[in-house]
PDB file of all heavy atoms in Angstrom:
ATOM      1  N   GLN A   1     -65.131 -19.144 -50.276  1.00  0.00           N
ATOM      2  CA  GLN A   1     -65.363 -17.783 -50.201  1.00  0.00           C
ATOM      3  C   GLN A   1     -66.857 -17.501 -50.306  1.00  0.00           C
ATOM      4  O   GLN A   1     -67.492 -17.994 -51.146  1.00  0.00           O
ATOM      5  CB  GLN A   1     -64.598 -17.003 -51.246  1.00  0.00           C
ATOM      6  CG  GLN A   1     -63.052 -17.129 -51.078  1.00  0.00           C
ATOM      7  CD  GLN A   1     -62.311 -15.980 -52.045  1.00  0.00           C
ATOM      8  OE1 GLN A   1     -61.929 -14.925 -51.545  1.00  0.00           O
ATOM      9  NE2 GLN A   1     -62.182 -16.416 -53.236  1.00  0.00           N
ATOM     10  N   LEU A   2     -67.251 -16.475 -49.412  1.00  0.00           N
ATOM     11  CA  LEU A   2     -68.621 -16.001 -49.571  1.00  0.00           C
ATOM     12  C   LEU A   2     -68.615 -14.681 -50.157  1.00  0.00           C
ATOM     13  O   LEU A   2     -67.955 -13.758 -49.814  1.00  0.00           O
ATOM     14  CB  LEU A   2     -69.383 -15.919 -48.160  1.00  0.00           C
ATOM     15  CG  LEU A   2     -70.741 -15.372 -48.029  1.00  0.00           C
ATOM     16  CD1 LEU A   2     -71.736 -16.176 -48.829  1.00  0.00           C
ATOM     17  CD2 LEU A   2     -71.137 -15.098 -46.524  1.00  0.00           C
ATOM     18  N   VAL A   3     -69.377 -14.545 -51.355  1.00  0.00           N
ATOM     19  CA  VAL A   3     -69.272 -13.359 -52.060  1.00  0.00           C
ATOM     20  C   VAL A   3     -70.674 -12.735 -52.050  1.00  0.00           C
ATOM     21  O   VAL A   3     -71.732 -13.436 -52.350  1.00  0.00           O
ATOM     22  CB  VAL A   3     -68.914 -13.610 -53.471  1.00  0.00           C
ATOM     23  CG1 VAL A   3     -68.787 -12.376 -54.340  1.00  0.00           C
ATOM     24  CG2 VAL A   3     -67.549 -14.302 -53.566  1.00  0.00           C
ATOM     25  N   LYS A   4     -70.849 -11.472 -51.859  1.00  0.00           N
ATOM     26  CA  LYS A   4     -72.119 -10.714 -52.063  1.00  0.00           C
ATOM     27  C   LYS A   4     -71.859  -9.569 -53.074  1.00  0.00           C
ATOM     28  O   LYS A   4     -70.789  -8.812 -52.973  1.00  0.00           O
ATOM     29  CB  LYS A   4     -72.460 -10.057 -50.675  1.00  0.00           C
ATOM     30  CG  LYS A   4     -72.944 -11.050 -49.595  1.00  0.00           C
ATOM     31  CD  LYS A   4     -73.428 -10.306 -48.371  1.00  0.00           C
ATOM     32  CE  LYS A   4     -73.944 -11.349 -47.270  1.00  0.00           C
ATOM     33  NZ  LYS A   4     -74.502 -10.639 -46.120  1.00  0.00           N
ATOM     34  N   PHE A   5     -72.768  -9.393 -53.969  1.00  0.00           N
ATOM     35  CA  PHE A   5     -72.722  -8.373 -54.890  1.00  0.00           C
ATOM     36  C   PHE A   5     -74.021  -7.733 -55.171  1.00  0.00           C
ATOM     37  O   PHE A   5     -75.127  -8.451 -55.052  1.00  0.00           O
ATOM     38  CB  PHE A   5     -71.992  -8.832 -56.182  1.00  0.00           C
ATOM     39  CG  PHE A   5     -72.800  -9.768 -57.062  1.00  0.00           C
ATOM     40  CD1 PHE A   5     -73.584  -9.354 -58.123  1.00  0.00           C
ATOM     41  CD2 PHE A   5     -72.677 -11.179 -56.902  1.00  0.00           C
ATOM     42  CE1 PHE A   5     -74.312 -10.158 -58.941  1.00  0.00           C
ATOM     43  CE2 PHE A   5     -73.517 -12.122 -57.584  1.00  0.00           C
ATOM     44  CZ  PHE A   5     -74.205 -11.628 -58.681  1.00  0.00           C
ATOM     45  N   LYS A   6     -73.987  -6.523 -55.768  1.00  0.00           N
ATOM     46  CA  LYS A   6     -75.248  -5.865 -56.092  1.00  0.00           C
ATOM     47  C   LYS A   6     -75.297  -5.629 -57.631  1.00  0.00           C
ATOM     48  O   LYS A   6     -74.366  -5.049 -58.164  1.00  0.00           O
ATOM     49  CB  LYS A   6     -75.419  -4.519 -55.382  1.00  0.00           C
ATOM     50  CG  LYS A   6     -76.717  -3.887 -55.574  1.00  0.00           C
ATOM     51  CD  LYS A   6     -76.764  -2.640 -54.670  1.00  0.00           C
ATOM     52  CE  LYS A   6     -78.067  -1.788 -54.754  1.00  0.00           C
ATOM     53  NZ  LYS A   6     -78.046  -0.599 -53.936  1.00  0.00           N
ATOM     54  N   PHE A   7     -76.419  -6.019 -58.291  1.00  0.00           N
ATOM     55  CA  PHE A   7     -76.504  -5.750 -59.690  1.00  0.00           C
ATOM     56  C   PHE A   7     -77.911  -5.461 -60.098  1.00  0.00           C
ATOM     57  O   PHE A   7     -78.918  -6.194 -59.625  1.00  0.00           O
ATOM     58  CB  PHE A   7     -76.004  -6.965 -60.429  1.00  0.00           C
ATOM     59  CG  PHE A   7     -76.064  -6.891 -61.979  1.00  0.00           C
ATOM     60  CD1 PHE A   7     -75.309  -5.794 -62.542  1.00  0.00           C
ATOM     61  CD2 PHE A   7     -76.631  -7.709 -62.870  1.00  0.00           C
ATOM     62  CE1 PHE A   7     -75.202  -5.656 -63.927  1.00  0.00           C
ATOM     63  CE2 PHE A   7     -76.606  -7.659 -64.150  1.00  0.00           C
ATOM     64  CZ  PHE A   7     -75.790  -6.616 -64.803  1.00  0.00           C
ATOM     65  N   ASN A   8     -78.121  -4.407 -60.818  1.00  0.00           N
ATOM     66  CA  ASN A   8     -79.583  -3.996 -61.139  1.00  0.00           C
ATOM     67  C   ASN A   8     -80.518  -3.874 -59.934  1.00  0.00           C
ATOM     68  O   ASN A   8     -81.646  -4.225 -59.903  1.00  0.00           O
ATOM     69  CB  ASN A   8     -80.195  -4.902 -62.128  1.00  0.00           C
ATOM     70  CG  ASN A   8     -79.622  -4.845 -63.492  1.00  0.00           C
ATOM     71  OD1 ASN A   8     -78.965  -3.943 -63.881  1.00  0.00           O
ATOM     72  ND2 ASN A   8     -79.764  -5.994 -64.286  1.00  0.00           N
ATOM     73  N   ASN A   9     -79.920  -3.221 -58.821  1.00  0.00           N
ATOM     74  CA  ASN A   9     -80.591  -2.923 -57.572  1.00  0.00           C
ATOM     75  C   ASN A   9     -80.983  -4.095 -56.843  1.00  0.00           C
ATOM     76  O   ASN A   9     -81.847  -4.005 -55.957  1.00  0.00           O
ATOM     77  CB  ASN A   9     -81.869  -1.914 -57.893  1.00  0.00           C
ATOM     78  CG  ASN A   9     -81.438  -0.590 -58.415  1.00  0.00           C
ATOM     79  OD1 ASN A   9     -80.532  -0.069 -57.928  1.00  0.00           O
ATOM     80  ND2 ASN A   9     -82.146  -0.202 -59.470  1.00  0.00           N
ATOM     81  N   LYS A  10     -80.378  -5.247 -57.068  1.00  0.00           N
ATOM     82  CA  LYS A  10     -80.706  -6.473 -56.320  1.00  0.00           C
ATOM     83  C   LYS A  10     -79.366  -7.051 -55.748  1.00  0.00           C
ATOM     84  O   LYS A  10     -78.311  -6.935 -56.400  1.00  0.00           O
ATOM     85  CB  LYS A  10     -81.439  -7.544 -57.143  1.00  0.00           C
ATOM     86  CG  LYS A  10     -82.777  -7.244 -57.484  1.00  0.00           C
ATOM     87  CD  LYS A  10     -83.479  -8.357 -58.185  1.00  0.00           C
ATOM     88  CE  LYS A  10     -84.925  -7.978 -58.541  1.00  0.00           C
ATOM     89  NZ  LYS A  10     -85.530  -9.169 -59.270  1.00  0.00           N
ATOM     90  N   VAL A  11     -79.439  -7.550 -54.487  1.00  0.00           N
ATOM     91  CA  VAL A  11     -78.305  -8.096 -53.897  1.00  0.00           C
ATOM     92  C   VAL A  11     -78.293  -9.682 -54.022  1.00  0.00           C
ATOM     93  O   VAL A  11     -79.271 -10.290 -53.729  1.00  0.00           O
ATOM     94  CB  VAL A  11     -78.161  -7.734 -52.327  1.00  0.00           C
ATOM     95  CG1 VAL A  11     -76.995  -8.418 -51.688  1.00  0.00           C
ATOM     96  CG2 VAL A  11     -78.107  -6.235 -52.225  1.00  0.00           C
ATOM     97  N   TYR A  12     -77.149 -10.151 -54.406  1.00  0.00           N
ATOM     98  CA  TYR A  12     -77.061 -11.594 -54.515  1.00  0.00           C
ATOM     99  C   TYR A  12     -75.829 -12.121 -53.794  1.00  0.00           C
ATOM    100  O   TYR A  12     -74.899 -11.367 -53.545  1.00  0.00           O
ATOM    101  CB  TYR A  12     -76.795 -12.018 -56.065  1.00  0.00           C
ATOM    102  CG  TYR A  12     -77.794 -11.431 -57.036  1.00  0.00           C
ATOM    103  CD1 TYR A  12     -77.699 -10.147 -57.603  1.00  0.00           C
ATOM    104  CD2 TYR A  12     -78.899 -12.344 -57.384  1.00  0.00           C
ATOM    105  CE1 TYR A  12     -78.730  -9.759 -58.506  1.00  0.00           C
ATOM    106  CE2 TYR A  12     -79.952 -11.828 -58.126  1.00  0.00           C
ATOM    107  CZ  TYR A  12     -79.825 -10.618 -58.735  1.00  0.00           C
ATOM    108  OH  TYR A  12     -80.794 -10.081 -59.641  1.00  0.00           O
ATOM    109  N   SER A  13     -75.867 -13.361 -53.352  1.00  0.00           N
ATOM    110  CA  SER A  13     -74.769 -13.968 -52.670  1.00  0.00           C
ATOM    111  C   SER A  13     -74.593 -15.481 -52.991  1.00  0.00           C
ATOM    112  O   SER A  13     -75.521 -16.078 -53.437  1.00  0.00           O
ATOM    113  CB  SER A  13     -74.894 -13.845 -51.152  1.00  0.00           C
ATOM    114  OG  SER A  13     -76.154 -14.543 -50.817  1.00  0.00           O
ATOM    115  N   PHE A  14     -73.342 -15.950 -52.996  1.00  0.00           N
ATOM    116  CA  PHE A  14     -72.910 -17.206 -53.336  1.00  0.00           C
ATOM    117  C   PHE A  14     -71.677 -17.684 -52.683  1.00  0.00           C
ATOM    118  O   PHE A  14     -70.881 -16.877 -52.236  1.00  0.00           O
ATOM    119  CB  PHE A  14     -72.884 -17.398 -54.849  1.00  0.00           C
ATOM    120  CG  PHE A  14     -71.828 -16.796 -55.522  1.00  0.00           C
ATOM    121  CD1 PHE A  14     -70.526 -17.236 -55.726  1.00  0.00           C
ATOM    122  CD2 PHE A  14     -71.988 -15.457 -55.879  1.00  0.00           C
ATOM    123  CE1 PHE A  14     -69.523 -16.591 -56.331  1.00  0.00           C
ATOM    124  CE2 PHE A  14     -70.876 -14.640 -56.509  1.00  0.00           C
ATOM    125  CZ  PHE A  14     -69.671 -15.242 -56.742  1.00  0.00           C
ATOM    126  N   THR A  15     -71.437 -18.959 -52.537  1.00  0.00           N
ATOM    127  CA  THR A  15     -70.217 -19.534 -52.010  1.00  0.00           C
ATOM    128  C   THR A  15     -69.456 -20.010 -53.207  1.00  0.00           C
ATOM    129  O   THR A  15     -70.077 -20.596 -54.140  1.00  0.00           O
ATOM    130  CB  THR A  15     -70.397 -20.493 -50.914  1.00  0.00           C
ATOM    131  OG1 THR A  15     -71.122 -21.597 -51.378  1.00  0.00           O
ATOM    132  CG2 THR A  15     -70.966 -19.863 -49.768  1.00  0.00           C
ATOM    133  N   THR A  16     -68.069 -20.000 -53.093  1.00  0.00           N
ATOM    134  CA  THR A  16     -67.357 -20.576 -54.210  1.00  0.00           C
ATOM    135  C   THR A  16     -65.945 -21.191 -53.704  1.00  0.00           C
ATOM    136  O   THR A  16     -65.405 -20.767 -52.764  1.00  0.00           O
ATOM    137  CB  THR A  16     -66.916 -19.427 -55.331  1.00  0.00           C
ATOM    138  OG1 THR A  16     -66.168 -20.054 -56.284  1.00  0.00           O
ATOM    139  CG2 THR A  16     -66.321 -18.234 -54.592  1.00  0.00           C
ATOM    140  N   LYS A  17     -65.498 -22.145 -54.438  1.00  0.00           N
ATOM    141  CA  LYS A  17     -64.180 -22.732 -54.161  1.00  0.00           C
ATOM    142  C   LYS A  17     -63.070 -21.887 -54.656  1.00  0.00           C
ATOM    143  O   LYS A  17     -61.828 -22.227 -54.549  1.00  0.00           O
ATOM    144  CB  LYS A  17     -64.145 -24.155 -54.733  1.00  0.00           C
ATOM    145  CG  LYS A  17     -65.107 -25.215 -54.125  1.00  0.00           C
ATOM    146  CD  LYS A  17     -65.120 -26.541 -54.782  1.00  0.00           C
ATOM    147  CE  LYS A  17     -66.077 -27.464 -54.362  1.00  0.00           C
ATOM    148  NZ  LYS A  17     -66.175 -28.773 -55.081  1.00  0.00           N
ATOM    149  N   LEU A  18     -63.416 -20.862 -55.611  1.00  0.00           N
ATOM    150  CA  LEU A  18     -62.308 -20.074 -56.200  1.00  0.00           C
ATOM    151  C   LEU A  18     -61.445 -19.250 -55.097  1.00  0.00           C
ATOM    152  O   LEU A  18     -62.090 -18.922 -54.214  1.00  0.00           O
ATOM    153  CB  LEU A  18     -62.948 -18.979 -57.153  1.00  0.00           C
ATOM    154  CG  LEU A  18     -63.733 -19.729 -58.260  1.00  0.00           C
ATOM    155  CD1 LEU A  18     -64.402 -18.589 -59.261  1.00  0.00           C
ATOM    156  CD2 LEU A  18     -62.842 -20.653 -59.142  1.00  0.00           C
ATOM    157  N   ILE A  19     -60.228 -19.124 -55.427  1.00  0.00           N
ATOM    158  CA  ILE A  19     -59.421 -18.390 -54.523  1.00  0.00           C
ATOM    159  C   ILE A  19     -59.033 -17.068 -54.813  1.00  0.00           C
ATOM    160  O   ILE A  19     -58.708 -16.777 -56.040  1.00  0.00           O
ATOM    161  CB  ILE A  19     -58.041 -19.197 -54.401  1.00  0.00           C
ATOM    162  CG1 ILE A  19     -58.322 -20.694 -53.884  1.00  0.00           C
ATOM    163  CG2 ILE A  19     -57.001 -18.671 -53.303  1.00  0.00           C
ATOM    164  CD1 ILE A  19     -57.223 -21.622 -54.019  1.00  0.00           C
ATOM    165  N   GLY A  20     -59.105 -16.150 -53.974  1.00  0.00           N
ATOM    166  CA  GLY A  20     -58.729 -14.671 -54.234  1.00  0.00           C
ATOM    167  C   GLY A  20     -59.663 -13.905 -54.802  1.00  0.00           C
ATOM    168  O   GLY A  20     -60.650 -14.341 -55.594  1.00  0.00           O
ATOM    169  N   LYS A  21     -59.570 -12.471 -54.830  1.00  0.00           N
ATOM    170  CA  LYS A  21     -60.447 -11.588 -55.327  1.00  0.00           C
ATOM    171  C   LYS A  21     -60.423 -11.611 -56.782  1.00  0.00           C
ATOM    172  O   LYS A  21     -61.403 -11.315 -57.495  1.00  0.00           O
ATOM    173  CB  LYS A  21     -60.139 -10.120 -54.812  1.00  0.00           C
ATOM    174  CG  LYS A  21     -61.120  -9.112 -55.172  1.00  0.00           C
ATOM    175  CD  LYS A  21     -60.869  -7.726 -54.559  1.00  0.00           C
ATOM    176  CE  LYS A  21     -61.910  -6.705 -55.014  1.00  0.00           C
ATOM    177  NZ  LYS A  21     -61.611  -5.331 -54.452  1.00  0.00           N
ATOM    178  N   THR A  22     -59.162 -11.710 -57.338  1.00  0.00           N
ATOM    179  CA  THR A  22     -58.874 -11.636 -58.844  1.00  0.00           C
ATOM    180  C   THR A  22     -59.916 -12.606 -59.516  1.00  0.00           C
ATOM    181  O   THR A  22     -60.616 -12.272 -60.493  1.00  0.00           O
ATOM    182  CB  THR A  22     -57.490 -11.796 -59.213  1.00  0.00           C
ATOM    183  OG1 THR A  22     -56.694 -10.921 -58.646  1.00  0.00           O
ATOM    184  CG2 THR A  22     -57.281 -11.869 -60.726  1.00  0.00           C
ATOM    185  N   GLN A  23     -59.935 -13.864 -59.024  1.00  0.00           N
ATOM    186  CA  GLN A  23     -60.819 -14.940 -59.709  1.00  0.00           C
ATOM    187  C   GLN A  23     -62.260 -14.661 -59.475  1.00  0.00           C
ATOM    188  O   GLN A  23     -63.094 -14.921 -60.357  1.00  0.00           O
ATOM    189  CB  GLN A  23     -60.426 -16.303 -59.152  1.00  0.00           C
ATOM    190  CG  GLN A  23     -59.162 -16.791 -59.533  1.00  0.00           C
ATOM    191  CD  GLN A  23     -59.132 -17.125 -61.086  1.00  0.00           C
ATOM    192  OE1 GLN A  23     -59.130 -16.219 -61.939  1.00  0.00           O
ATOM    193  NE2 GLN A  23     -59.106 -18.422 -61.437  1.00  0.00           N
ATOM    194  N   ILE A  24     -62.632 -13.823 -58.419  1.00  0.00           N
ATOM    195  CA  ILE A  24     -64.013 -13.448 -58.200  1.00  0.00           C
ATOM    196  C   ILE A  24     -64.403 -12.399 -59.294  1.00  0.00           C
ATOM    197  O   ILE A  24     -65.485 -12.494 -59.970  1.00  0.00           O
ATOM    198  CB  ILE A  24     -64.233 -12.881 -56.810  1.00  0.00           C
ATOM    199  CG1 ILE A  24     -63.931 -13.925 -55.768  1.00  0.00           C
ATOM    200  CG2 ILE A  24     -65.695 -12.375 -56.792  1.00  0.00           C
ATOM    201  CD1 ILE A  24     -64.701 -15.192 -55.832  1.00  0.00           C
ATOM    202  N   ILE A  25     -63.526 -11.486 -59.558  1.00  0.00           N
ATOM    203  CA  ILE A  25     -63.689 -10.598 -60.618  1.00  0.00           C
ATOM    204  C   ILE A  25     -63.792 -11.078 -61.942  1.00  0.00           C
ATOM    205  O   ILE A  25     -64.723 -10.856 -62.713  1.00  0.00           O
ATOM    206  CB  ILE A  25     -62.553  -9.495 -60.494  1.00  0.00           C
ATOM    207  CG1 ILE A  25     -62.603  -8.546 -59.350  1.00  0.00           C
ATOM    208  CG2 ILE A  25     -62.570  -8.571 -61.897  1.00  0.00           C
ATOM    209  CD1 ILE A  25     -61.385  -7.713 -59.188  1.00  0.00           C
ATOM    210  N   ASN A  26     -62.989 -12.176 -62.157  1.00  0.00           N
ATOM    211  CA  ASN A  26     -63.098 -12.958 -63.517  1.00  0.00           C
ATOM    212  C   ASN A  26     -64.492 -13.631 -63.619  1.00  0.00           C
ATOM    213  O   ASN A  26     -65.053 -13.682 -64.657  1.00  0.00           O
ATOM    214  CB  ASN A  26     -61.895 -13.913 -63.611  1.00  0.00           C
ATOM    215  CG  ASN A  26     -60.591 -13.220 -63.736  1.00  0.00           C
ATOM    216  OD1 ASN A  26     -60.422 -12.211 -64.261  1.00  0.00           O
ATOM    217  ND2 ASN A  26     -59.467 -14.003 -63.459  1.00  0.00           N
ATOM    218  N   LEU A  27     -64.860 -14.245 -62.508  1.00  0.00           N
ATOM    219  CA  LEU A  27     -66.066 -14.988 -62.457  1.00  0.00           C
ATOM    220  C   LEU A  27     -67.198 -14.030 -62.753  1.00  0.00           C
ATOM    221  O   LEU A  27     -68.234 -14.343 -63.572  1.00  0.00           O
ATOM    222  CB  LEU A  27     -66.200 -15.693 -61.175  1.00  0.00           C
ATOM    223  CG  LEU A  27     -67.641 -16.403 -61.042  1.00  0.00           C
ATOM    224  CD1 LEU A  27     -67.776 -17.543 -61.976  1.00  0.00           C
ATOM    225  CD2 LEU A  27     -67.616 -16.976 -59.577  1.00  0.00           C
ATOM    226  N   LEU A  28     -67.204 -12.879 -62.134  1.00  0.00           N
ATOM    227  CA  LEU A  28     -68.433 -12.025 -62.269  1.00  0.00           C
ATOM    228  C   LEU A  28     -68.430 -11.374 -63.646  1.00  0.00           C
ATOM    229  O   LEU A  28     -69.530 -11.013 -64.130  1.00  0.00           O
ATOM    230  CB  LEU A  28     -68.320 -10.901 -61.132  1.00  0.00           C
ATOM    231  CG  LEU A  28     -68.619 -11.385 -59.800  1.00  0.00           C
ATOM    232  CD1 LEU A  28     -68.400 -10.327 -58.707  1.00  0.00           C
ATOM    233  CD2 LEU A  28     -70.042 -11.949 -59.658  1.00  0.00           C
ATOM    234  N   MET A  29     -67.252 -11.194 -64.276  1.00  0.00           N
ATOM    235  CA  MET A  29     -67.271 -10.773 -65.685  1.00  0.00           C
ATOM    236  C   MET A  29     -68.019 -11.784 -66.533  1.00  0.00           C
ATOM    237  O   MET A  29     -68.757 -11.428 -67.471  1.00  0.00           O
ATOM    238  CB  MET A  29     -65.920 -10.535 -66.222  1.00  0.00           C
ATOM    239  CG  MET A  29     -65.186  -9.192 -65.656  1.00  0.00           C
ATOM    240  SD  MET A  29     -63.658  -8.993 -66.448  1.00  0.00           S
ATOM    241  CE  MET A  29     -63.125  -7.494 -65.643  1.00  0.00           C
ATOM    242  N   ALA A  30     -67.750 -13.111 -66.284  1.00  0.00           N
ATOM    243  CA  ALA A  30     -68.427 -14.112 -66.948  1.00  0.00           C
ATOM    244  C   ALA A  30     -69.941 -14.052 -66.655  1.00  0.00           C
ATOM    245  O   ALA A  30     -70.683 -14.407 -67.546  1.00  0.00           O
ATOM    246  CB  ALA A  30     -67.715 -15.531 -66.645  1.00  0.00           C
TER     247      ALA A  30
END
């Protein structure tokens, strides 16, 4: 999965083996 997110006015992206949006949310909380 390719994920793009914005935090403190900067855009970041990364790839991950994690499956589904729920796990992306869990990862971003961490």
